[in-house]
Amino acid sequence: MKELLESTEVILDGLSDGVYVCDRDRKIVYWSKSAERITGWQSEDVVGRLCLEDILRHEDKDGNRMCGEEHCPLHRSIVTGVTTTVPIIVFAHGKDGRKIPMQVTTAPIHNGSGEVVGGVETFRDASPLLVDLERAKKIQAQTLEQELPDDPRLRFSTFYLPHEIVGGDYYAIKQIDKDRYGFLLADMEGHGLVAALYTMHLGIVWNQHYQLLENPAEFAAEVNRELVQIFGGV
């Protein structure tokens, strides 16, 4: 581990993203200059300590602590040998106690024999992104709000809890005639702002073509044509 770090510290210290490296026991062996700037924790404060000690104290958006083994992204990468493919949003604590939203990615570190000898976490301050996501959350909530059918023969209720602050799920209900209702439940691939934008457009398409619900196959084909025109080349 020491030999691997000596050749990369100069490069890592030049990155704008914060970086820290742990061994297999999650003892911190490197803490970058940007990690110091973002968190207020200096290298001498943390190197040699376990990352699960009272340092960043990562939490999810609901305030659940992520340090430990079950929910820690870095521990997962070390154990599985798998790099995270999509940044996740966590909330870390700076040295002054403030809670900092961060975009985090993790990866295992391998030695020359291919064995996992530790892990690396990179992070950036996600405060500007969080502001945009909160705005998108309000817009998405308004998009999903709809008057449910009032029918004494049936009871309708909805509950929406996105995986992240905003998500790619969508639902809608329309009355076709006095005895039939049309439902749309959709889960767009991915999470976050892009997936939320997809679902907002899906809502527009639903409202344009819901009169085709008497023939579900025709409705699905029309929705598919609309979405392919927009996202087919992505």
C-alpha atoms as a PDB file:
ATOM      1  CA  MET A   1       0.000   0.000   0.000  1.00  0.00           C
ATOM      2  CA  LYS A   2       2.790   2.448   0.930  1.00  0.00           C
ATOM      3  CA  GLU A   3       4.588   1.953  -2.388  1.00  0.00           C
ATOM      4  CA  LEU A   4       1.371   2.489  -4.332  1.00  0.00           C
ATOM      5  CA  LEU A   5       0.681   5.770  -2.539  1.00  0.00           C
ATOM      6  CA  GLU A   6       4.159   7.244  -2.883  1.00  0.00           C
ATOM      7  CA  SER A   7       3.852   7.361  -6.673  1.00  0.00           C
ATOM      8  CA  THR A   8       0.390   8.952  -6.743  1.00  0.00           C
ATOM      9  CA  GLU A   9       0.196  11.432  -3.847  1.00  0.00           C
ATOM     10  CA  VAL A  10       1.392  14.395  -5.929  1.00  0.00           C
ATOM     11  CA  ILE A  11      -1.298  13.697  -8.532  1.00  0.00           C
ATOM     12  CA  LEU A  12      -4.073  13.169  -5.974  1.00  0.00           C
ATOM     13  CA  ASP A  13      -3.178  16.361  -4.108  1.00  0.00           C
ATOM     14  CA  GLY A  14      -3.717  18.288  -7.339  1.00  0.00           C
ATOM     15  CA  LEU A  15      -7.324  17.139  -7.772  1.00  0.00           C
ATOM     16  CA  SER A  16     -10.211  19.448  -6.892  1.00  0.00           C
ATOM     17  CA  ASP A  17     -12.165  16.462  -5.544  1.00  0.00           C
ATOM     18  CA  GLY A  18     -11.375  15.190  -2.071  1.00  0.00           C
ATOM     19  CA  VAL A  19      -9.670  11.803  -1.901  1.00  0.00           C
ATOM     20  CA  TYR A  20      -8.856   9.471   0.934  1.00  0.00           C
ATOM     21  CA  VAL A  21      -7.405   5.973   0.945  1.00  0.00           C
ATOM     22  CA  CYS A  22      -7.919   3.174   3.477  1.00  0.00           C
ATOM     23  CA  ASP A  23      -6.329  -0.220   3.948  1.00  0.00           C
ATOM     24  CA  ARG A  24      -8.439  -3.382   4.177  1.00  0.00           C
ATOM     25  CA  ASP A  25      -9.213  -2.648   7.827  1.00  0.00           C
ATOM     26  CA  ARG A  26     -10.425   0.822   6.773  1.00  0.00           C
ATOM     27  CA  LYS A  27      -7.578   2.581   8.514  1.00  0.00           C
ATOM     28  CA  ILE A  28      -6.964   5.882   6.723  1.00  0.00           C
ATOM     29  CA  VAL A  29      -3.510   5.948   5.133  1.00  0.00           C
ATOM     30  CA  TYR A  30      -3.879   9.024   2.904  1.00  0.00           C
ATOM     31  CA  TRP A  31      -5.955  12.220   3.043  1.00  0.00           C
ATOM     32  CA  SER A  32      -5.681  14.702   0.162  1.00  0.00           C
ATOM     33  CA  LYS A  33      -5.338  18.490   0.238  1.00  0.00           C
ATOM     34  CA  SER A  34      -8.840  18.916  -1.219  1.00  0.00           C
ATOM     35  CA  ALA A  35     -10.228  16.561   1.430  1.00  0.00           C
ATOM     36  CA  GLU A  36      -8.752  18.967   3.990  1.00  0.00           C
ATOM     37  CA  ARG A  37     -10.298  21.965   2.229  1.00  0.00           C
ATOM     38  CA  ILE A  38     -13.782  20.463   1.873  1.00  0.00           C
ATOM     39  CA  THR A  39     -14.099  18.930   5.338  1.00  0.00           C
ATOM     40  CA  GLY A  40     -11.812  21.002   7.544  1.00  0.00           C
ATOM     41  CA  TRP A  41     -10.182  17.779   8.755  1.00  0.00           C
ATOM     42  CA  GLN A  42      -6.411  17.951   8.316  1.00  0.00           C
ATOM     43  CA  SER A  43      -4.307  14.977   7.324  1.00  0.00           C
ATOM     44  CA  GLU A  44      -2.710  14.780  10.758  1.00  0.00           C
ATOM     45  CA  ASP A  45      -6.213  14.618  12.301  1.00  0.00           C
ATOM     46  CA  VAL A  46      -7.259  11.477  10.459  1.00  0.00           C
ATOM     47  CA  VAL A  47      -4.346   9.467   9.042  1.00  0.00           C
ATOM     48  CA  GLY A  48      -3.872   6.352  11.137  1.00  0.00           C
ATOM     49  CA  ARG A  49      -7.467   6.361  12.363  1.00  0.00           C
ATOM     50  CA  LEU A  50     -10.333   4.152  11.197  1.00  0.00           C
ATOM     51  CA  CYS A  51     -12.701   5.918   8.810  1.00  0.00           C
ATOM     52  CA  LEU A  52     -15.663   4.637  10.842  1.00  0.00           C
ATOM     53  CA  GLU A  53     -14.476   6.587  13.871  1.00  0.00           C
ATOM     54  CA  ASP A  54     -16.000   9.939  14.736  1.00  0.00           C
ATOM     55  CA  ILE A  55     -14.715  11.724  11.616  1.00  0.00           C
ATOM     56  CA  LEU A  56     -16.967  12.229   8.570  1.00  0.00           C
ATOM     57  CA  ARG A  57     -19.863  10.212  10.030  1.00  0.00           C
ATOM     58  CA  HIS A  58     -21.585   9.666   6.694  1.00  0.00           C
ATOM     59  CA  GLU A  59     -25.396   9.712   6.723  1.00  0.00           C
ATOM     60  CA  ASP A  60     -27.974   9.099   4.023  1.00  0.00           C
ATOM     61  CA  LYS A  61     -30.627  11.650   3.081  1.00  0.00           C
ATOM     62  CA  ASP A  62     -32.883  10.400   5.890  1.00  0.00           C
ATOM     63  CA  GLY A  63     -30.214  10.846   8.571  1.00  0.00           C
ATOM     64  CA  ASN A  64     -29.367   7.139   8.900  1.00  0.00           C
ATOM     65  CA  ARG A  65     -25.720   6.564   9.734  1.00  0.00           C
ATOM     66  CA  MET A  66     -23.830   4.699   7.004  1.00  0.00           C
ATOM     67  CA  CYS A  67     -20.582   3.928   8.820  1.00  0.00           C
ATOM     68  CA  GLY A  68     -20.064   0.300   9.720  1.00  0.00           C
ATOM     69  CA  GLU A  69     -20.221  -2.608   7.298  1.00  0.00           C
ATOM     70  CA  GLU A  70     -23.746  -2.962   5.961  1.00  0.00           C
ATOM     71  CA  HIS A  71     -24.244   0.501   4.434  1.00  0.00           C
ATOM     72  CA  CYS A  72     -20.704   1.828   3.894  1.00  0.00           C
ATOM     73  CA  PRO A  73     -19.960   2.252   0.144  1.00  0.00           C
ATOM     74  CA  LEU A  74     -16.188   2.097   0.683  1.00  0.00           C
ATOM     75  CA  HIS A  75     -16.416  -1.106   2.711  1.00  0.00           C
ATOM     76  CA  ARG A  76     -18.599  -2.603  -0.013  1.00  0.00           C
ATOM     77  CA  SER A  77     -15.988  -1.827  -2.678  1.00  0.00           C
ATOM     78  CA  ILE A  78     -13.197  -3.323  -0.556  1.00  0.00           C
ATOM     79  CA  VAL A  79     -15.142  -6.522   0.149  1.00  0.00           C
ATOM     80  CA  THR A  80     -16.595  -7.028  -3.334  1.00  0.00           C
ATOM     81  CA  GLY A  81     -13.748  -5.585  -5.397  1.00  0.00           C
ATOM     82  CA  VAL A  82     -16.303  -3.539  -7.355  1.00  0.00           C
ATOM     83  CA  THR A  83     -16.118   0.166  -8.211  1.00  0.00           C
ATOM     84  CA  THR A  84     -19.261   2.264  -7.835  1.00  0.00           C
ATOM     85  CA  THR A  85     -20.606   3.116 -11.285  1.00  0.00           C
ATOM     86  CA  VAL A  86     -22.791   6.076 -10.273  1.00  0.00           C
ATOM     87  CA  PRO A  87     -21.949   8.734  -7.654  1.00  0.00           C
ATOM     88  CA  ILE A  88     -24.161   8.598  -4.583  1.00  0.00           C
ATOM     89  CA  ILE A  89     -25.178  11.500  -2.380  1.00  0.00           C
ATOM     90  CA  VAL A  90     -24.256  11.259   1.280  1.00  0.00           C
ATOM     91  CA  PHE A  91     -24.047  13.789   4.084  1.00  0.00           C
ATOM     92  CA  ALA A  92     -20.744  14.074   5.930  1.00  0.00           C
ATOM     93  CA  HIS A  93     -19.776  16.102   8.972  1.00  0.00           C
ATOM     94  CA  GLY A  94     -17.020  18.676   8.741  1.00  0.00           C
ATOM     95  CA  LYS A  95     -14.593  19.244  11.567  1.00  0.00           C
ATOM     96  CA  ASP A  96     -16.695  22.243  12.654  1.00  0.00           C
ATOM     97  CA  GLY A  97     -19.787  20.017  12.922  1.00  0.00           C
ATOM     98  CA  ARG A  98     -21.592  21.292   9.827  1.00  0.00           C
ATOM     99  CA  LYS A  99     -23.294  18.741   7.618  1.00  0.00           C
ATOM    100  CA  ILE A 100     -21.891  18.702   4.080  1.00  0.00           C
ATOM    101  CA  PRO A 101     -23.752  17.102   1.157  1.00  0.00           C
ATOM    102  CA  MET A 102     -21.294  15.145  -0.973  1.00  0.00           C
ATOM    103  CA  GLN A 103     -21.209  13.182  -4.196  1.00  0.00           C
ATOM    104  CA  VAL A 104     -19.192  10.070  -3.416  1.00  0.00           C
ATOM    105  CA  THR A 105     -17.600   7.330  -5.506  1.00  0.00           C
ATOM    106  CA  THR A 106     -15.586   4.396  -4.183  1.00  0.00           C
ATOM    107  CA  ALA A 107     -13.221   1.829  -5.675  1.00  0.00           C
ATOM    108  CA  PRO A 108     -11.036  -1.037  -4.486  1.00  0.00           C
ATOM    109  CA  ILE A 109      -7.236  -0.805  -4.668  1.00  0.00           C
ATOM    110  CA  HIS A 110      -5.360  -3.846  -5.985  1.00  0.00           C
ATOM    111  CA  ASN A 111      -1.707  -4.738  -5.581  1.00  0.00           C
ATOM    112  CA  GLY A 112       0.473  -6.155  -8.340  1.00  0.00           C
ATOM    113  CA  SER A 113      -0.933  -9.622  -7.719  1.00  0.00           C
ATOM    114  CA  GLY A 114      -4.507  -8.428  -8.161  1.00  0.00           C
ATOM    115  CA  GLU A 115      -5.380  -8.727  -4.482  1.00  0.00           C
ATOM    116  CA  VAL A 116      -7.549  -6.043  -2.893  1.00  0.00           C
ATOM    117  CA  VAL A 117      -5.358  -4.214  -0.377  1.00  0.00           C
ATOM    118  CA  GLY A 118      -7.631  -1.269   0.385  1.00  0.00           C
ATOM    119  CA  GLY A 119     -10.054   1.223  -1.055  1.00  0.00           C
ATOM    120  CA  VAL A 120     -10.263   4.815  -2.231  1.00  0.00           C
ATOM    121  CA  GLU A 121     -13.131   7.257  -1.847  1.00  0.00           C
ATOM    122  CA  THR A 122     -13.433  10.442  -3.882  1.00  0.00           C
ATOM    123  CA  PHE A 123     -15.933  13.133  -3.006  1.00  0.00           C
ATOM    124  CA  ARG A 124     -16.992  16.652  -3.905  1.00  0.00           C
ATOM    125  CA  ASP A 125     -19.174  19.238  -2.221  1.00  0.00           C
ATOM    126  CA  ALA A 126     -22.662  18.671  -3.629  1.00  0.00           C
ATOM    127  CA  SER A 127     -24.296  21.753  -2.090  1.00  0.00           C
ATOM    128  CA  PRO A 128     -25.105  23.428  -5.470  1.00  0.00           C
ATOM    129  CA  LEU A 129     -26.449  20.137  -6.847  1.00  0.00           C
ATOM    130  CA  LEU A 130     -28.590  19.653  -3.757  1.00  0.00           C
ATOM    131  CA  VAL A 131     -30.231  23.047  -4.276  1.00  0.00           C
ATOM    132  CA  ASP A 132     -31.157  22.029  -7.832  1.00  0.00           C
ATOM    133  CA  LEU A 133     -32.424  18.633  -6.648  1.00  0.00           C
ATOM    134  CA  GLU A 134     -34.634  20.216  -3.994  1.00  0.00           C
ATOM    135  CA  ARG A 135     -36.170  22.464  -6.653  1.00  0.00           C
ATOM    136  CA  ALA A 136     -36.678  19.461  -8.907  1.00  0.00           C
ATOM    137  CA  LYS A 137     -38.271  17.596  -5.988  1.00  0.00           C
ATOM    138  CA  LYS A 138     -40.923  20.308  -5.620  1.00  0.00           C
ATOM    139  CA  ILE A 139     -41.618  20.289  -9.358  1.00  0.00           C
ATOM    140  CA  GLN A 140     -41.825  16.498  -9.427  1.00  0.00           C
ATOM    141  CA  ALA A 141     -44.185  16.471  -6.448  1.00  0.00           C
ATOM    142  CA  GLN A 142     -46.518  18.844  -8.287  1.00  0.00           C
ATOM    143  CA  THR A 143     -46.316  16.637 -11.372  1.00  0.00           C
ATOM    144  CA  LEU A 144     -47.344  13.570  -9.374  1.00  0.00           C
ATOM    145  CA  GLU A 145     -50.121  15.312  -7.478  1.00  0.00           C
ATOM    146  CA  GLN A 146     -53.434  14.485  -9.107  1.00  0.00           C
ATOM    147  CA  GLU A 147     -57.044  14.177  -8.150  1.00  0.00           C
ATOM    148  CA  LEU A 148     -57.824  10.513  -7.599  1.00  0.00           C
ATOM    149  CA  PRO A 149     -61.089   9.132  -8.990  1.00  0.00           C
ATOM    150  CA  ASP A 150     -64.049   9.315  -6.628  1.00  0.00           C
ATOM    151  CA  ASP A 151     -65.862   6.012  -6.973  1.00  0.00           C
ATOM    152  CA  PRO A 152     -67.771   4.360  -4.083  1.00  0.00           C
ATOM    153  CA  ARG A 153     -66.970   0.951  -5.549  1.00  0.00           C
ATOM    154  CA  LEU A 154     -63.208   1.459  -5.363  1.00  0.00           C
ATOM    155  CA  ARG A 155     -60.687   3.096  -3.098  1.00  0.00           C
ATOM    156  CA  PHE A 156     -57.555   4.697  -4.537  1.00  0.00           C
ATOM    157  CA  SER A 157     -54.490   5.705  -2.530  1.00  0.00           C
ATOM    158  CA  THR A 158     -50.911   6.522  -3.489  1.00  0.00           C
ATOM    159  CA  PHE A 159     -47.558   6.720  -1.723  1.00  0.00           C
ATOM    160  CA  TYR A 160     -44.334   7.824  -3.385  1.00  0.00           C
ATOM    161  CA  LEU A 161     -40.876   7.511  -1.807  1.00  0.00           C
ATOM    162  CA  PRO A 162     -37.977   8.012  -4.253  1.00  0.00           C
ATOM    163  CA  HIS A 163     -34.675   6.190  -3.770  1.00  0.00           C
ATOM    164  CA  GLU A 164     -32.926   9.555  -3.909  1.00  0.00           C
ATOM    165  CA  ILE A 165     -34.176  13.115  -3.473  1.00  0.00           C
ATOM    166  CA  VAL A 166     -35.851  12.807  -6.864  1.00  0.00           C
ATOM    167  CA  GLY A 167     -36.365   9.623  -8.826  1.00  0.00           C
ATOM    168  CA  GLY A 168     -37.477   7.957 -12.016  1.00  0.00           C
ATOM    169  CA  ASP A 169     -40.815   6.524 -10.920  1.00  0.00           C
ATOM    170  CA  TYR A 170     -44.175   7.707 -12.201  1.00  0.00           C
ATOM    171  CA  TYR A 171     -47.806   6.789 -11.716  1.00  0.00           C
ATOM    172  CA  ALA A 172     -51.091   8.034 -13.148  1.00  0.00           C
ATOM    173  CA  ILE A 173     -54.772   7.041 -13.052  1.00  0.00           C
ATOM    174  CA  LYS A 174     -57.502   7.940 -15.533  1.00  0.00           C
ATOM    175  CA  GLN A 175     -61.141   6.909 -15.768  1.00  0.00           C
ATOM    176  CA  ILE A 176     -61.883   5.433 -19.186  1.00  0.00           C
ATOM    177  CA  ASP A 177     -65.631   5.021 -18.749  1.00  0.00           C
ATOM    178  CA  LYS A 178     -68.023   4.416 -15.859  1.00  0.00           C
ATOM    179  CA  ASP A 179     -66.713   0.889 -15.291  1.00  0.00           C
ATOM    180  CA  ARG A 180     -63.057   1.033 -16.354  1.00  0.00           C
ATOM    181  CA  TYR A 181     -59.889   2.792 -15.225  1.00  0.00           C
ATOM    182  CA  GLY A 182     -56.476   3.061 -16.792  1.00  0.00           C
ATOM    183  CA  PHE A 183     -53.303   2.883 -14.705  1.00  0.00           C
ATOM    184  CA  LEU A 184     -49.749   3.738 -15.604  1.00  0.00           C
ATOM    185  CA  LEU A 185     -46.854   2.654 -13.382  1.00  0.00           C
ATOM    186  CA  ALA A 186     -43.403   3.410 -14.764  1.00  0.00           C
ATOM    187  CA  ASP A 187     -39.845   3.143 -13.510  1.00  0.00           C
ATOM    188  CA  MET A 188     -37.372   4.986 -15.709  1.00  0.00           C
ATOM    189  CA  GLU A 189     -33.849   3.576 -15.699  1.00  0.00           C
ATOM    190  CA  GLY A 190     -31.507   5.387 -13.316  1.00  0.00           C
ATOM    191  CA  HIS A 191     -32.062   7.786 -10.455  1.00  0.00           C
ATOM    192  CA  GLY A 192     -31.674  11.456  -9.752  1.00  0.00           C
ATOM    193  CA  LEU A 193     -32.341  14.538 -11.846  1.00  0.00           C
ATOM    194  CA  VAL A 194     -32.125  12.973 -15.315  1.00  0.00           C
ATOM    195  CA  ALA A 195     -34.549  10.172 -14.417  1.00  0.00           C
ATOM    196  CA  ALA A 196     -36.905  12.757 -12.905  1.00  0.00           C
ATOM    197  CA  LEU A 197     -36.883  14.748 -16.158  1.00  0.00           C
ATOM    198  CA  TYR A 198     -37.752  11.578 -18.068  1.00  0.00           C
ATOM    199  CA  THR A 199     -40.775  10.949 -15.846  1.00  0.00           C
ATOM    200  CA  MET A 200     -41.954  14.544 -16.194  1.00  0.00           C
ATOM    201  CA  HIS A 201     -41.980  14.135 -19.958  1.00  0.00           C
ATOM    202  CA  LEU A 202     -43.731  10.787 -19.570  1.00  0.00           C
ATOM    203  CA  GLY A 203     -46.462  12.646 -17.691  1.00  0.00           C
ATOM    204  CA  ILE A 204     -46.888  14.992 -20.651  1.00  0.00           C
ATOM    205  CA  VAL A 205     -47.136  12.050 -23.056  1.00  0.00           C
ATOM    206  CA  TRP A 206     -49.694  10.361 -20.776  1.00  0.00           C
ATOM    207  CA  ASN A 207     -51.924  13.426 -20.786  1.00  0.00           C
ATOM    208  CA  GLN A 208     -51.662  13.742 -24.562  1.00  0.00           C
ATOM    209  CA  HIS A 209     -52.644  10.149 -25.329  1.00  0.00           C
ATOM    210  CA  TYR A 210     -54.687   8.804 -22.410  1.00  0.00           C
ATOM    211  CA  GLN A 211     -57.755   8.661 -24.695  1.00  0.00           C
ATOM    212  CA  LEU A 212     -56.109   5.606 -26.279  1.00  0.00           C
ATOM    213  CA  LEU A 213     -56.350   3.650 -23.023  1.00  0.00           C
ATOM    214  CA  GLU A 214     -59.295   1.632 -24.310  1.00  0.00           C
ATOM    215  CA  ASN A 215     -56.662  -0.169 -26.353  1.00  0.00           C
ATOM    216  CA  PRO A 216     -53.628  -0.601 -24.048  1.00  0.00           C
ATOM    217  CA  ALA A 217     -51.423  -1.952 -26.848  1.00  0.00           C
ATOM    218  CA  GLU A 218     -52.133   1.085 -29.029  1.00  0.00           C
ATOM    219  CA  PHE A 219     -51.510   3.416 -26.091  1.00  0.00           C
ATOM    220  CA  ALA A 220     -48.198   1.720 -25.225  1.00  0.00           C
ATOM    221  CA  ALA A 221     -47.066   1.845 -28.855  1.00  0.00           C
ATOM    222  CA  GLU A 222     -47.806   5.579 -29.084  1.00  0.00           C
ATOM    223  CA  VAL A 223     -46.007   6.319 -25.812  1.00  0.00           C
ATOM    224  CA  ASN A 224     -43.046   4.266 -27.013  1.00  0.00           C
ATOM    225  CA  ARG A 225     -42.893   6.204 -30.296  1.00  0.00           C
ATOM    226  CA  GLU A 226     -42.888   9.519 -28.415  1.00  0.00           C
ATOM    227  CA  LEU A 227     -40.140   8.474 -26.035  1.00  0.00           C
ATOM    228  CA  VAL A 228     -37.960   6.942 -28.749  1.00  0.00           C
ATOM    229  CA  GLN A 229     -38.061  10.204 -30.704  1.00  0.00           C
ATOM    230  CA  ILE A 230     -36.615  12.046 -27.727  1.00  0.00           C
ATOM    231  CA  PHE A 231     -34.368   9.491 -26.047  1.00  0.00           C
ATOM    232  CA  GLY A 232     -33.661   7.008 -28.825  1.00  0.00           C
ATOM    233  CA  GLY A 233     -30.264   8.509 -29.607  1.00  0.00           C
ATOM    234  CA  VAL A 234     -29.157   8.790 -25.968  1.00  0.00           C
END
